[in-house]
C-alpha atoms as a PDB file:
ATOM      1  CA  MET A   1      -0.058   0.116   0.122  1.00  0.00           C
ATOM      2  CA  ASP A   2       1.397   3.357  -1.158  1.00  0.00           C
ATOM      3  CA  ILE A   3      -0.212   6.812   0.137  1.00  0.00           C
ATOM      4  CA  THR A   4       0.487  10.031  -1.251  1.00  0.00           C
ATOM      5  CA  VAL A   5      -0.594  12.982   0.139  1.00  0.00           C
ATOM      6  CA  THR A   6      -1.334  16.375  -1.342  1.00  0.00           C
ATOM      7  CA  ILE A   7      -2.834  20.013   0.131  1.00  0.00           C
ATOM      8  CA  HIS A   8      -4.658  22.302  -1.871  1.00  0.00           C
ATOM      9  CA  GLN A   9      -6.784  25.339  -0.760  1.00  0.00           C
ATOM     10  CA  PRO A  10      -9.268  26.229  -3.343  1.00  0.00           C
ATOM     11  CA  GLU A  11     -11.593  28.405  -1.056  1.00  0.00           C
ATOM     12  CA  GLY A  12      -8.678  28.884   1.283  1.00  0.00           C
ATOM     13  CA  TRP A  13      -9.942  25.962   3.240  1.00  0.00           C
ATOM     14  CA  PRO A  14      -6.871  23.041   3.304  1.00  0.00           C
ATOM     15  CA  VAL A  15      -8.327  19.910   1.341  1.00  0.00           C
ATOM     16  CA  ALA A  16      -5.807  17.036   1.826  1.00  0.00           C
ATOM     17  CA  VAL A  17      -5.951  14.559  -0.829  1.00  0.00           C
ATOM     18  CA  MET A  18      -4.865  11.122   0.252  1.00  0.00           C
ATOM     19  CA  LYS A  19      -4.291   8.999  -2.599  1.00  0.00           C
ATOM     20  CA  LEU A  20      -4.138   4.972  -2.119  1.00  0.00           C
ATOM     21  CA  SER A  21      -2.251   2.696  -4.485  1.00  0.00           C
ATOM     22  CA  GLY A  22      -2.913  -1.467  -3.967  1.00  0.00           C
ATOM     23  CA  ASP A  23      -5.218  -3.266  -1.829  1.00  0.00           C
ATOM     24  CA  ILE A  24      -6.762  -2.342   1.411  1.00  0.00           C
ATOM     25  CA  ASN A  25      -6.969  -4.779   3.467  1.00  0.00           C
ATOM     26  CA  ALA A  26      -5.926  -6.061   7.208  1.00  0.00           C
ATOM     27  CA  SER A  27      -2.452  -5.706   6.577  1.00  0.00           C
ATOM     28  CA  ASN A  28      -2.398  -1.800   5.991  1.00  0.00           C
ATOM     29  CA  PHE A  29      -5.971  -0.485   7.524  1.00  0.00           C
ATOM     30  CA  MET A  30      -4.329   1.362  10.354  1.00  0.00           C
ATOM     31  CA  GLN A  31      -2.061   2.650   8.462  1.00  0.00           C
ATOM     32  CA  ILE A  32      -4.619   4.380   6.065  1.00  0.00           C
ATOM     33  CA  VAL A  33      -6.649   5.633   9.515  1.00  0.00           C
ATOM     34  CA  ASN A  34      -3.585   6.700  11.064  1.00  0.00           C
ATOM     35  CA  LYS A  35      -2.660   9.299   8.161  1.00  0.00           C
ATOM     36  CA  ALA A  36      -5.711  10.409   8.035  1.00  0.00           C
ATOM     37  CA  GLN A  37      -6.244  11.013  11.538  1.00  0.00           C
ATOM     38  CA  GLU A  38      -2.708  12.999  11.117  1.00  0.00           C
ATOM     39  CA  LEU A  39      -4.333  14.769   8.325  1.00  0.00           C
ATOM     40  CA  TYR A  40      -7.817  15.626  10.256  1.00  0.00           C
ATOM     41  CA  ASN A  41      -5.429  16.789  13.284  1.00  0.00           C
ATOM     42  CA  ASN A  42      -3.264  19.203  10.823  1.00  0.00           C
ATOM     43  CA  PRO A  43      -3.570  20.750   8.640  1.00  0.00           C
ATOM     44  CA  ALA A  44      -7.067  19.665   6.612  1.00  0.00           C
ATOM     45  CA  LYS A  45     -10.842  19.053   7.839  1.00  0.00           C
ATOM     46  CA  ASN A  46     -11.568  18.210   4.307  1.00  0.00           C
ATOM     47  CA  LEU A  47     -10.396  14.938   3.002  1.00  0.00           C
ATOM     48  CA  ILE A  48     -10.627  13.317  -0.811  1.00  0.00           C
ATOM     49  CA  LEU A  49      -9.574   9.870  -0.882  1.00  0.00           C
ATOM     50  CA  ASP A  50      -8.453   9.211  -4.408  1.00  0.00           C
ATOM     51  CA  LEU A  51      -9.198   5.388  -5.026  1.00  0.00           C
ATOM     52  CA  SER A  52      -8.243   5.439  -8.863  1.00  0.00           C
ATOM     53  CA  GLU A  53      -5.179   2.849  -7.843  1.00  0.00           C
ATOM     54  CA  VAL A  54      -6.901   0.855  -5.110  1.00  0.00           C
ATOM     55  CA  THR A  55      -7.592  -2.688  -7.052  1.00  0.00           C
ATOM     56  CA  SER A  56      -9.613  -4.238  -4.084  1.00  0.00           C
ATOM     57  CA  VAL A  57     -10.896  -3.419  -0.554  1.00  0.00           C
ATOM     58  CA  SER A  58     -11.695  -6.510   1.756  1.00  0.00           C
ATOM     59  CA  THR A  59     -13.917  -6.184   4.990  1.00  0.00           C
ATOM     60  CA  THR A  60     -11.137  -4.746   7.193  1.00  0.00           C
ATOM     61  CA  GLY A  61     -10.503  -2.346   4.644  1.00  0.00           C
ATOM     62  CA  LEU A  62     -14.052  -0.768   4.665  1.00  0.00           C
ATOM     63  CA  VAL A  63     -13.630  -1.095   8.197  1.00  0.00           C
ATOM     64  CA  ALA A  64     -10.922   1.613   7.753  1.00  0.00           C
ATOM     65  CA  LEU A  65     -12.862   3.890   5.371  1.00  0.00           C
ATOM     66  CA  HIS A  66     -15.832   3.898   7.723  1.00  0.00           C
ATOM     67  CA  LYS A  67     -13.653   5.053  10.672  1.00  0.00           C
ATOM     68  CA  ILE A  68     -12.355   7.667   8.327  1.00  0.00           C
ATOM     69  CA  ALA A  69     -15.907   8.941   7.796  1.00  0.00           C
ATOM     70  CA  LEU A  70     -16.672   8.721  11.389  1.00  0.00           C
ATOM     71  CA  LEU A  71     -13.354  10.290  12.427  1.00  0.00           C
ATOM     72  CA  TYR A  72     -14.204  13.452  10.172  1.00  0.00           C
ATOM     73  CA  SER A  73     -17.887  13.709  10.918  1.00  0.00           C
ATOM     74  CA  GLY A  74     -16.349  14.654  14.595  1.00  0.00           C
ATOM     75  CA  VAL A  75     -17.054  11.084  15.960  1.00  0.00           C
ATOM     76  CA  PRO A  76     -14.360  10.348  18.347  1.00  0.00           C
ATOM     77  CA  GLN A  77     -12.572   6.967  17.569  1.00  0.00           C
ATOM     78  CA  ASN A  78     -10.233   4.524  19.371  1.00  0.00           C
ATOM     79  CA  VAL A  79      -8.526   2.990  16.888  1.00  0.00           C
ATOM     80  CA  ASP A  80      -6.217  -0.126  17.750  1.00  0.00           C
ATOM     81  CA  ALA A  81      -4.723  -2.861  15.367  1.00  0.00           C
ATOM     82  CA  ASP A  82      -6.909  -5.577  16.934  1.00  0.00           C
ATOM     83  CA  ASP A  83     -10.067  -3.611  16.264  1.00  0.00           C
ATOM     84  CA  THR A  84     -11.854  -5.002  12.893  1.00  0.00           C
ATOM     85  CA  ARG A  85     -15.525  -4.560  13.753  1.00  0.00           C
ATOM     86  CA  PRO A  86     -17.289  -1.392  12.452  1.00  0.00           C
ATOM     87  CA  ASP A  87     -18.742   0.797  14.497  1.00  0.00           C
ATOM     88  CA  PHE A  88     -22.109   1.250  13.330  1.00  0.00           C
ATOM     89  CA  THR A  89     -22.861   4.471  14.740  1.00  0.00           C
ATOM     90  CA  HIS A  90     -22.727   6.923  11.496  1.00  0.00           C
ATOM     91  CA  SER A  91     -23.044  10.428  10.933  1.00  0.00           C
ATOM     92  CA  SER A  92     -24.626  12.083   7.110  1.00  0.00           C
ATOM     93  CA  ASN A  93     -21.410  14.673   8.167  1.00  0.00           C
ATOM     94  CA  ALA A  94     -18.834  12.705   6.644  1.00  0.00           C
ATOM     95  CA  ARG A  95     -20.508  13.641   3.170  1.00  0.00           C
ATOM     96  CA  LYS A  96     -19.478  16.919   3.755  1.00  0.00           C
ATOM     97  CA  PHE A  97     -15.976  16.441   4.751  1.00  0.00           C
ATOM     98  CA  VAL A  98     -14.505  13.581   3.287  1.00  0.00           C
ATOM     99  CA  LYS A  99     -15.240  12.492  -0.915  1.00  0.00           C
ATOM    100  CA  LEU A 100     -14.074   9.662  -2.649  1.00  0.00           C
ATOM    101  CA  LEU A 101     -12.338   9.912  -6.204  1.00  0.00           C
ATOM    102  CA  SER A 102     -12.622   7.532  -8.888  1.00  0.00           C
ATOM    103  CA  PRO A 103     -12.871   3.817  -7.214  1.00  0.00           C
ATOM    104  CA  GLN A 104     -12.312   1.079  -9.410  1.00  0.00           C
ATOM    105  CA  PRO A 105     -15.210  -1.214 -10.477  1.00  0.00           C
ATOM    106  CA  GLU A 106     -14.417  -3.690  -7.888  1.00  0.00           C
ATOM    107  CA  VAL A 107     -14.192  -1.026  -5.007  1.00  0.00           C
ATOM    108  CA  ASP A 108     -17.323   0.471  -6.197  1.00  0.00           C
ATOM    109  CA  LYS A 109     -18.918  -2.727  -5.782  1.00  0.00           C
ATOM    110  CA  ALA A 110     -17.820  -3.344  -2.744  1.00  0.00           C
ATOM    111  CA  LEU A 111     -18.534  -0.197  -1.211  1.00  0.00           C
ATOM    112  CA  GLU A 112     -22.103  -0.385  -2.723  1.00  0.00           C
ATOM    113  CA  LYS A 113     -22.555  -3.887  -1.142  1.00  0.00           C
ATOM    114  CA  ALA A 114     -21.605  -2.535   2.091  1.00  0.00           C
ATOM    115  CA  GLY A 115     -23.509   0.492   2.416  1.00  0.00           C
ATOM    116  CA  MET A 116     -20.612   2.751   2.438  1.00  0.00           C
ATOM    117  CA  LYS A 117     -21.981   4.961  -0.251  1.00  0.00           C
ATOM    118  CA  LEU A 118     -24.532   6.451   2.721  1.00  0.00           C
ATOM    119  CA  PHE A 119     -20.996   7.991   4.268  1.00  0.00           C
ATOM    120  CA  PHE A 120     -19.520   9.237   1.017  1.00  0.00           C
ATOM    121  CA  LYS A 121     -20.048  11.237  -2.147  1.00  0.00           C
ATOM    122  CA  VAL A 122     -18.200   9.721  -4.924  1.00  0.00           C
ATOM    123  CA  TYR A 123     -16.725  11.782  -7.891  1.00  0.00           C
ATOM    124  CA  GLU A 124     -15.175  10.804 -11.065  1.00  0.00           C
ATOM    125  CA  ASP A 125     -13.534  14.237 -11.854  1.00  0.00           C
ATOM    126  CA  PHE A 126     -10.674  15.617  -9.376  1.00  0.00           C
ATOM    127  CA  ASN A 127     -11.779  19.216  -9.765  1.00  0.00           C
ATOM    128  CA  GLU A 128     -15.180  18.720  -9.010  1.00  0.00           C
ATOM    129  CA  ALA A 129     -14.621  16.534  -5.982  1.00  0.00           C
ATOM    130  CA  LEU A 130     -12.052  19.683  -4.812  1.00  0.00           C
ATOM    131  CA  LEU A 131     -14.546  22.188  -5.123  1.00  0.00           C
ATOM    132  CA  SER A 132     -17.237  20.555  -3.601  1.00  0.00           C
ATOM    133  CA  PHE A 133     -16.018  21.569  -0.240  1.00  0.00           C
END
């Protein structure tokens, strides 16, 4: 799993873009959640998760995305390496602060099947996603 981060300021508010490459699974979900937490703490309360190079997402990977949604919604999260069960508490606020960009068809199906699209707005165009904040 590779994570590349860039920061943009389209309207003066920082937006972090976290580009993920590879599979999202049990071996790396903590790395993804920790990086999102770091970005949330400083500098950006808005996040675009670029999934264009994610080839698959496991159940544990979906947990990571769910935890990011809750984090950016302001729901306190205590995440540790043994916590692979999702917290079914949810908030529609995640749609305001976290956007998904260009998920591959297999990843998109997994998000749909798990009901994760309730938490996120999905974009195919980077500029549209960026200007949606």
